[in-house]
Amino acid sequence: MSTTITANKLAKKIVNQEDVFILDVRNKDEFEKWKIEGKQVTIMNEPYFNLLDGVETIANQLQKDQEVIVVCAKGGSSQMVALELEEAGFTNVFDLKGGMKAWSEHLEPVKVGTLQDGGSIYQFVRLGKGCLSYVIESHGEALIVDPSRMIEQYEMFVADRGIQIGHVIDTHLHADHISGGHRLAEKTGAAYYLPPKDAMEVTFDYTALEEGNDIIIGNTTVKVNPIYSPGHTLGSTSLIIDDRYLLTGDILFVESIGRPDLAGKAADWVSDLRDTLYYRYKELADDLIVLPAHYSFLKELADDGKVSARLGDLYQTNAGLQINDENEFRKMVTENLPDQPNAYQEIRKTNMGKINPKEEQQKEMEIGPNHCAVHEN
C-alpha cells in the first residue's frame, strides 16, 4: 500500500518553499488547464494510461531515492502509479489523498498583520484555485470576508482561538466559486452582509453592505468601512479595515484587474470599472495595503505565502492601471478575455439561492482556476 500525503501537508511544503517534485498522471488537456504550482515545485506530466503496463518510460528520469508525489484527479490512479513506482524500487513515493479535487478545497491561513487596538487579520489562500478569503479577529469576535464553500475550515480556525464569528461579508455576488457566506452566517448566528445591487435576485435574507454603514468588530475601534466600487459586478464593494488594509474583492488584483463580463454586462459595466480603478481608488491613501480576493500568477505570492501590495505601488506597476485612453481600456476589458470560470452561470444561481446542487456537484462546478482577472499573458 502506498503512502499518502494530505493537501494540508503538501500546502505547507509549498508555502515554506521546500523542494517538491510532482508526477501528475492526469491527461494532458486537464494538466494544461490547471496544475499544482509553487516557486520550488518541479512537475512532470505523464498520463496514467501510459503507465498501465509499468513505469519504465519515466523511471530513467527519476532518482530511486528522491521524493515523488503522485497526483491524479481524485486520488485513485495516483495510488496505482505510486505502487508501481515502489515495486520498481523507488523508496520515497507518496500519492496525494483525494487528488486535485482535495487540492482545490484546501485553505492555507497566512497571518497578514496585527490591528492597531488588538487583533489580527489572516488571509486564507486557496492554492488550488487562486481564491483568497479573510478572517479579521479582535477581542473575541471575528469577521469572515468572501468565505469559500468549505466553511468548516473557518469554524475550526476560530474555535482553536476561542473566537465567535459575528459578521460574514461577501464583497460581491461571486461567479467563480460557491460562497459559504450565507450558510456560515446561518450556522453561527452571525450577520450576513451582501451589496444590495448584487442581491436583487437572492432568495434569502441579508444585511445590506453599503458605504457609510461602518461595522465594528469586537469591543474596540476596529472599523470596517465599505467603499462602493462597482465594475466587476454592479454592487461590488471594497472594505477598508482598521484604516490600513483595502480588501478589493474582484476589482483590483496585484498583477491584474477584475473583468466586467461574468453577468453578461461587460459593455454596461466598463465605465464603472474604470471609475473605480482610476478615480475612486485614486482618492484613497497610497499606503493602504491591497488584499484582493484572487491571484492569477505564482509570482503574486510573497515568500511568506501571502498576496498583498501597497496601493500606491500598484499605480506604478499594475498594467491595468496604466491605460489613459478610455477606448483602449474598454477594448482591453471586453476583447480577448481569458476563458470564463467553470460553470460560472450555475455558480451565480447557487450563490443567489436559486438552485441547491448536491455537494459532489458543487465540487465539480468549482474545478479549475478562477479566471476572474483581465491581464496581459
Protein backbone atom coordinates (compact mmCIF):
# COMPACT_ATOMS: atom_id res chain seq x y z
CA MET A 1 0.00 0.00 0.00
CA SER A 2 1.40 3.40 -0.98
CA THR A 3 1.93 6.28 1.47
CA THR A 4 -0.45 9.21 1.15
CA ILE A 5 0.20 12.89 1.69
CA THR A 6 -2.68 15.23 2.51
CA ALA A 7 -3.39 18.51 0.74
CA ASN A 8 -2.66 20.25 4.05
CA LYS A 9 0.88 18.82 4.30
CA LEU A 10 1.59 19.48 0.63
CA ALA A 11 0.41 23.10 1.00
CA LYS A 12 2.77 23.60 3.97
CA LYS A 13 5.69 22.34 1.85
CA ILE A 14 4.84 24.72 -0.97
CA VAL A 15 4.25 27.77 1.25
CA ASN A 16 7.52 27.04 3.08
CA GLN A 17 9.24 26.80 -0.33
CA GLU A 18 10.54 23.27 0.15
CA ASP A 19 11.64 21.40 -2.97
CA VAL A 20 8.66 19.40 -4.25
CA PHE A 21 8.53 17.01 -7.21
CA ILE A 22 5.06 16.29 -8.59
CA LEU A 23 4.24 13.48 -11.01
CA ASP A 24 0.83 14.46 -12.41
CA VAL A 25 -0.84 11.46 -14.09
CA ARG A 26 -3.96 13.19 -15.44
CA ASN A 27 -4.42 13.54 -19.18
CA LYS A 28 -2.61 16.37 -20.92
CA ASP A 29 -5.71 18.51 -21.51
CA GLU A 30 -6.55 18.60 -17.79
CA PHE A 31 -2.92 19.21 -16.89
CA GLU A 32 -2.57 22.16 -19.27
CA LYS A 33 -5.69 23.85 -17.88
CA TRP A 34 -4.80 23.53 -14.21
CA LYS A 35 -1.94 22.14 -12.14
CA ILE A 36 -0.13 22.43 -8.83
CA GLU A 37 2.33 25.29 -8.81
CA GLY A 38 4.92 26.68 -6.41
CA LYS A 39 8.24 28.50 -6.51
CA GLN A 40 10.15 25.31 -5.67
CA VAL A 41 7.80 22.88 -7.42
CA THR A 42 9.06 20.73 -10.28
CA ILE A 43 6.31 18.93 -12.15
CA MET A 44 6.15 16.14 -14.73
CA ASN A 45 3.02 15.13 -16.62
CA GLU A 46 2.68 11.51 -17.73
CA PRO A 47 -0.92 10.28 -18.20
CA TYR A 48 -1.62 7.17 -16.13
CA PHE A 49 -2.78 5.17 -19.15
CA ASN A 50 0.81 5.35 -20.41
CA LEU A 51 1.87 3.69 -17.14
CA LEU A 52 -0.62 0.82 -17.02
CA ASP A 53 2.00 -1.68 -18.10
CA GLY A 54 4.83 -0.29 -15.99
CA VAL A 55 6.77 2.86 -15.16
CA GLU A 56 9.81 2.18 -17.35
CA THR A 57 9.06 5.20 -19.55
CA ILE A 58 9.66 7.60 -16.65
CA ALA A 59 11.90 5.59 -14.32
CA ASN A 60 15.12 6.64 -16.00
CA GLN A 61 14.21 10.32 -15.50
CA LEU A 62 13.95 9.99 -11.70
CA GLN A 63 16.26 9.07 -8.83
CA LYS A 64 15.20 5.99 -6.88
CA ASP A 65 15.51 7.79 -3.53
CA GLN A 66 14.02 11.17 -4.47
CA GLU A 67 10.67 12.26 -3.08
CA VAL A 68 7.93 11.84 -5.68
CA ILE A 69 4.35 12.99 -5.04
CA VAL A 70 1.93 11.39 -7.50
CA VAL A 71 -1.23 13.36 -8.30
CA CYS A 72 -4.38 12.50 -10.26
CA ALA A 73 -7.92 13.89 -10.42
CA LYS A 74 -9.46 12.19 -7.37
CA GLY A 75 -6.74 10.06 -5.77
CA GLY A 76 -7.40 6.67 -7.39
CA SER A 77 -4.99 6.50 -10.33
CA SER A 78 -2.22 8.12 -8.30
CA GLN A 79 -2.33 5.24 -5.78
CA MET A 80 -1.88 2.74 -8.60
CA VAL A 81 1.08 4.61 -10.10
CA ALA A 82 2.68 5.12 -6.66
CA LEU A 83 2.53 1.36 -6.04
CA GLU A 84 4.11 0.70 -9.42
CA LEU A 85 6.94 3.08 -8.60
CA GLU A 86 7.51 1.33 -5.26
CA GLU A 87 7.56 -2.05 -6.96
CA ALA A 88 10.15 -0.63 -9.36
CA GLY A 89 12.43 0.21 -6.42
CA PHE A 90 11.51 3.83 -5.63
CA THR A 91 11.70 4.39 -1.87
CA ASN A 92 10.18 7.83 -1.21
CA VAL A 93 6.85 7.90 -3.04
CA PHE A 94 3.58 9.50 -1.91
CA ASP A 95 0.18 9.88 -3.53
CA LEU A 96 -1.95 12.98 -2.91
CA LYS A 97 -5.02 11.95 -0.93
CA GLY A 98 -8.15 13.00 -2.81
CA GLY A 99 -6.15 14.23 -5.80
CA MET A 100 -6.75 17.60 -7.42
CA LYS A 101 -10.27 17.71 -6.04
CA ALA A 102 -8.87 17.77 -2.49
CA TRP A 103 -6.14 20.21 -3.56
CA SER A 104 -8.81 22.56 -4.88
CA GLU A 105 -10.51 22.66 -1.48
CA HIS A 106 -7.59 23.26 0.84
CA LEU A 107 -7.32 26.69 2.51
CA GLU A 108 -3.94 27.75 3.92
CA PRO A 109 -4.22 30.50 6.58
CA VAL A 110 -1.43 33.11 6.50
CA LYS A 111 -1.22 35.95 9.02
CA VAL A 112 -1.18 39.34 7.27
CA GLY A 113 -0.66 41.56 10.30
CA THR A 114 -1.95 42.90 13.59
CA LEU A 115 -4.58 45.57 14.18
CA GLN A 116 -3.99 48.86 15.98
CA ASP A 117 -6.17 48.16 19.01
CA GLY A 118 -5.57 44.42 19.25
CA GLY A 119 -6.45 41.57 16.96
CA SER A 120 -5.16 40.22 13.68
CA ILE A 121 -6.03 39.80 10.04
CA TYR A 122 -5.47 36.46 8.28
CA GLN A 123 -5.55 35.65 4.58
CA PHE A 124 -6.85 32.18 3.67
CA VAL A 125 -5.04 31.15 0.49
CA ARG A 126 -6.81 28.59 -1.69
CA LEU A 127 -3.69 27.42 -3.53
CA GLY A 128 -5.60 25.07 -5.82
CA LYS A 129 -7.85 27.78 -7.23
CA GLY A 130 -6.22 31.14 -6.58
CA CYS A 131 -9.04 32.34 -4.30
CA LEU A 132 -8.38 34.45 -1.19
CA SER A 133 -10.66 34.97 1.80
CA TYR A 134 -10.11 36.69 5.13
CA VAL A 135 -10.59 36.31 8.87
CA ILE A 136 -10.34 39.54 10.88
CA GLU A 137 -10.47 38.95 14.64
CA SER A 138 -10.49 41.34 17.55
CA HIS A 139 -11.28 40.84 21.23
CA GLY A 140 -13.03 37.51 20.75
CA GLU A 141 -15.07 38.36 17.66
CA ALA A 142 -14.37 37.55 14.02
CA LEU A 143 -15.42 38.90 10.64
CA ILE A 144 -15.14 36.49 7.70
CA VAL A 145 -14.85 38.04 4.22
CA ASP A 146 -15.58 36.24 0.93
CA PRO A 147 -15.61 32.76 2.52
CA SER A 148 -15.30 29.68 0.36
CA ARG A 149 -17.76 26.80 0.31
CA MET A 150 -15.62 24.86 2.84
CA ILE A 151 -16.89 26.70 5.93
CA GLU A 152 -15.65 24.02 8.34
CA GLN A 153 -12.10 25.30 7.86
CA TYR A 154 -13.06 28.76 9.18
CA GLU A 155 -15.06 27.23 12.03
CA MET A 156 -12.07 25.12 13.13
CA PHE A 157 -9.74 28.12 12.88
CA VAL A 158 -11.84 30.36 15.15
CA ALA A 159 -12.71 27.51 17.55
CA ASP A 160 -9.00 26.86 18.12
CA ARG A 161 -8.66 30.50 19.19
CA GLY A 162 -11.85 30.75 21.25
CA ILE A 163 -13.36 33.31 18.87
CA GLN A 164 -17.02 33.81 17.90
CA ILE A 165 -18.00 34.70 14.33
CA GLY A 166 -20.08 37.87 14.50
CA HIS A 167 -20.13 39.05 10.88
CA VAL A 168 -19.82 37.45 7.43
CA ILE A 169 -19.42 39.55 4.27
CA ASP A 170 -19.44 38.76 0.57
CA THR A 171 -18.00 41.77 -1.24
CA HIS A 172 -19.99 40.82 -4.36
CA LEU A 173 -22.01 38.00 -5.91
CA HIS A 174 -19.29 35.50 -6.84
CA ALA A 175 -19.18 33.75 -10.21
CA ASP A 176 -16.03 31.66 -9.87
CA HIS A 177 -16.67 29.84 -6.61
CA ILE A 178 -19.59 28.91 -4.40
CA SER A 179 -19.77 31.18 -1.39
CA GLY A 180 -20.08 29.71 2.08
CA GLY A 181 -21.13 33.11 3.41
CA HIS A 182 -24.86 32.68 3.89
CA ARG A 183 -24.51 29.12 5.22
CA LEU A 184 -21.74 30.12 7.65
CA ALA A 185 -23.80 33.03 8.97
CA GLU A 186 -26.86 30.83 9.43
CA LYS A 187 -24.86 28.19 11.26
CA THR A 188 -23.12 30.60 13.64
CA GLY A 189 -25.86 33.21 14.12
CA ALA A 190 -23.67 35.90 12.55
CA ALA A 191 -24.94 38.82 10.49
CA TYR A 192 -24.58 38.19 6.74
CA TYR A 193 -23.82 41.19 4.51
CA LEU A 194 -24.16 41.47 0.73
CA PRO A 195 -24.25 44.56 -1.52
CA PRO A 196 -27.94 45.29 -2.31
CA LYS A 197 -27.29 45.78 -6.05
CA ASP A 198 -25.89 42.24 -6.23
CA ALA A 199 -28.69 40.83 -4.10
CA MET A 200 -31.70 41.76 -6.21
CA GLU A 201 -32.36 38.12 -7.13
CA VAL A 202 -31.22 36.32 -3.98
CA THR A 203 -33.78 34.15 -2.23
CA PHE A 204 -32.66 34.65 1.37
CA ASP A 205 -32.43 37.46 3.93
CA TYR A 206 -29.28 39.55 4.23
CA THR A 207 -27.98 42.79 5.73
CA ALA A 208 -27.14 45.50 3.20
CA LEU A 209 -23.43 46.17 2.77
CA GLU A 210 -23.43 49.87 1.99
CA GLU A 211 -20.97 52.73 2.04
CA GLY A 212 -21.42 54.87 5.14
CA ASN A 213 -22.60 51.97 7.33
CA ASP A 214 -19.42 51.02 9.18
CA ILE A 215 -19.10 47.71 11.01
CA ILE A 216 -17.41 47.34 14.40
CA ILE A 217 -15.63 44.10 15.30
CA GLY A 218 -15.36 43.16 18.97
CA ASN A 219 -15.41 45.86 21.62
CA THR A 220 -12.75 48.01 20.04
CA THR A 221 -12.39 50.53 17.30
CA VAL A 222 -11.57 48.10 14.52
CA LYS A 223 -13.59 49.76 11.82
CA VAL A 224 -14.72 48.24 8.55
CA ASN A 225 -15.53 50.98 6.04
CA PRO A 226 -17.42 49.75 2.97
CA ILE A 227 -16.44 51.56 -0.25
CA TYR A 228 -18.83 51.22 -3.20
CA SER A 229 -16.60 50.08 -6.07
CA PRO A 230 -18.62 48.66 -8.99
CA GLY A 231 -17.24 47.24 -12.22
CA HIS A 232 -16.73 43.52 -11.69
CA THR A 233 -20.36 43.40 -10.61
CA LEU A 234 -22.86 46.22 -10.21
CA GLY A 235 -22.73 46.03 -6.43
CA SER A 236 -19.05 45.28 -5.81
CA THR A 237 -18.00 46.86 -2.52
CA SER A 238 -14.46 47.13 -1.11
CA LEU A 239 -13.59 47.26 2.58
CA ILE A 240 -11.10 49.42 4.43
CA ILE A 241 -10.08 47.58 7.59
CA ASP A 242 -8.55 49.48 10.52
CA ASP A 243 -7.58 52.41 8.24
CA ARG A 244 -4.75 50.22 6.90
CA TYR A 245 -5.97 47.36 4.71
CA LEU A 246 -8.02 47.66 1.50
CA LEU A 247 -9.93 44.47 0.64
CA THR A 248 -10.66 44.95 -3.06
CA GLY A 249 -12.76 41.84 -3.80
CA ASP A 250 -12.55 41.10 -7.54
CA ILE A 251 -11.94 44.71 -8.65
CA LEU A 252 -8.19 45.05 -8.27
CA PHE A 253 -5.53 42.34 -8.03
CA VAL A 254 -1.76 42.59 -7.58
CA GLU A 255 -0.89 41.91 -11.22
CA SER A 256 -4.23 42.50 -12.95
CA ILE A 257 -7.71 43.98 -12.70
CA GLY A 258 -11.22 42.50 -12.49
CA ARG A 259 -13.27 41.50 -15.53
CA PRO A 260 -16.72 43.05 -16.10
CA ASP A 261 -18.34 40.34 -18.24
CA LEU A 262 -19.40 37.47 -15.95
CA ALA A 263 -23.01 38.66 -15.70
CA GLY A 264 -23.24 39.40 -19.42
CA LYS A 265 -22.98 43.16 -18.79
CA ALA A 266 -19.44 43.90 -19.99
CA ALA A 267 -20.33 46.90 -22.16
CA ASP A 268 -22.52 48.40 -19.41
CA TRP A 269 -20.04 47.94 -16.56
CA VAL A 270 -16.79 49.04 -18.22
CA SER A 271 -17.30 52.67 -17.20
CA ASP A 272 -17.99 51.64 -13.61
CA LEU A 273 -14.83 49.55 -13.57
CA ARG A 274 -12.75 52.43 -14.92
CA ASP A 275 -14.28 54.94 -12.48
CA THR A 276 -13.49 52.67 -9.54
CA LEU A 277 -9.90 51.98 -10.57
CA TYR A 278 -8.92 55.37 -11.98
CA TYR A 279 -10.89 57.73 -9.71
CA ARG A 280 -12.41 56.18 -6.56
CA TYR A 281 -9.31 54.24 -5.53
CA LYS A 282 -7.12 57.19 -6.53
CA GLU A 283 -8.73 59.20 -3.72
CA LEU A 284 -7.58 56.64 -1.13
CA ALA A 285 -4.26 56.71 0.74
CA ASP A 286 -1.31 55.30 -1.20
CA ASP A 287 -0.16 53.43 1.91
CA LEU A 288 -3.22 51.20 2.11
CA ILE A 289 -2.29 47.52 1.77
CA VAL A 290 -4.33 45.94 -1.03
CA LEU A 291 -5.68 42.49 -0.18
CA PRO A 292 -7.54 41.05 -3.19
CA ALA A 293 -9.96 38.10 -3.43
CA HIS A 294 -7.89 36.31 -6.09
CA TYR A 295 -4.50 35.88 -7.64
CA SER A 296 -3.62 34.56 -11.09
CA PHE A 297 0.13 34.10 -11.07
CA LEU A 298 2.57 32.32 -8.82
CA LYS A 299 4.71 35.45 -8.65
CA GLU A 300 1.91 37.21 -6.76
CA LEU A 301 2.61 35.04 -3.69
CA ALA A 302 5.25 36.56 -1.44
CA ASP A 303 7.89 34.39 0.22
CA ASP A 304 5.72 34.14 3.34
CA GLY A 305 2.77 32.86 1.27
CA LYS A 306 0.50 35.91 1.33
CA VAL A 307 -0.77 38.02 -1.57
CA SER A 308 -0.70 41.80 -1.00
CA ALA A 309 0.68 45.08 -2.32
CA ARG A 310 0.77 48.77 -1.41
CA LEU A 311 -1.94 50.67 -3.32
CA GLY A 312 0.46 53.43 -4.39
CA ASP A 313 2.87 50.85 -5.80
CA LEU A 314 0.14 49.23 -7.91
CA TYR A 315 -0.44 52.58 -9.64
CA GLN A 316 3.18 52.31 -10.77
CA THR A 317 3.34 48.61 -11.68
CA ASN A 318 -0.09 47.11 -12.48
CA ALA A 319 -0.60 47.19 -16.28
CA GLY A 320 -4.37 47.53 -15.88
CA LEU A 321 -3.88 50.90 -14.13
CA GLN A 322 -1.66 52.42 -16.81
CA ILE A 323 -4.17 52.95 -19.66
CA ASN A 324 -5.04 56.62 -20.05
CA ASP A 325 -7.16 56.26 -23.18
CA GLU A 326 -10.73 55.24 -22.28
CA ASN A 327 -11.38 53.46 -25.59
CA GLU A 328 -8.19 51.47 -25.24
CA PHE A 329 -9.25 50.49 -21.71
CA ARG A 330 -12.69 49.45 -22.95
CA LYS A 331 -11.10 47.30 -25.64
CA MET A 332 -8.75 45.61 -23.16
CA VAL A 333 -11.50 44.56 -20.73
CA THR A 334 -14.04 43.43 -23.32
CA GLU A 335 -11.93 41.73 -26.00
CA ASN A 336 -9.60 38.73 -25.89
CA LEU A 337 -10.64 37.87 -22.35
CA PRO A 338 -9.49 34.63 -20.74
CA ASP A 339 -11.84 31.64 -20.56
CA GLN A 340 -14.75 32.21 -18.21
CA PRO A 341 -14.73 30.28 -14.90
CA ASN A 342 -16.03 26.72 -15.00
CA ALA A 343 -19.86 26.56 -14.59
CA TYR A 344 -19.96 30.26 -13.71
CA GLN A 345 -23.64 30.71 -14.54
CA GLU A 346 -24.65 27.80 -12.30
CA ILE A 347 -22.35 29.13 -9.57
CA ARG A 348 -24.07 32.54 -9.68
CA LYS A 349 -27.50 30.87 -9.39
CA THR A 350 -26.24 28.79 -6.47
CA ASN A 351 -24.97 31.91 -4.73
CA MET A 352 -28.37 33.55 -5.25
CA GLY A 353 -30.07 30.55 -3.62
CA LYS A 354 -31.97 29.76 -6.83
CA ILE A 355 -30.53 26.25 -7.11
CA ASN A 356 -29.06 23.94 -4.48
CA PRO A 357 -26.75 21.37 -6.14
CA LYS A 358 -25.58 18.40 -4.10
CA GLU A 359 -22.14 18.64 -2.54
CA GLU A 360 -20.46 16.46 -5.17
CA GLN A 361 -21.99 18.61 -7.92
CA GLN A 362 -20.72 21.75 -6.21
CA LYS A 363 -17.20 20.29 -6.12
CA GLU A 364 -17.36 19.54 -9.84
CA MET A 365 -18.66 23.06 -10.59
CA GLU A 366 -15.66 24.64 -8.90
CA ILE A 367 -12.94 22.59 -10.57
CA GLY A 368 -10.20 24.69 -12.19
CA PRO A 369 -8.63 28.14 -11.81
CA ASN A 370 -10.71 31.24 -11.00
CA HIS A 371 -10.33 33.15 -14.32
CA CYS A 372 -11.62 36.37 -12.71
CA ALA A 373 -8.91 38.74 -13.96
CA VAL A 374 -8.11 40.72 -17.07
CA HIS A 375 -4.35 40.65 -17.56
CA GLU A 376 -1.56 40.55 -20.04
CA ASN A 377 -0.48 36.99 -20.85
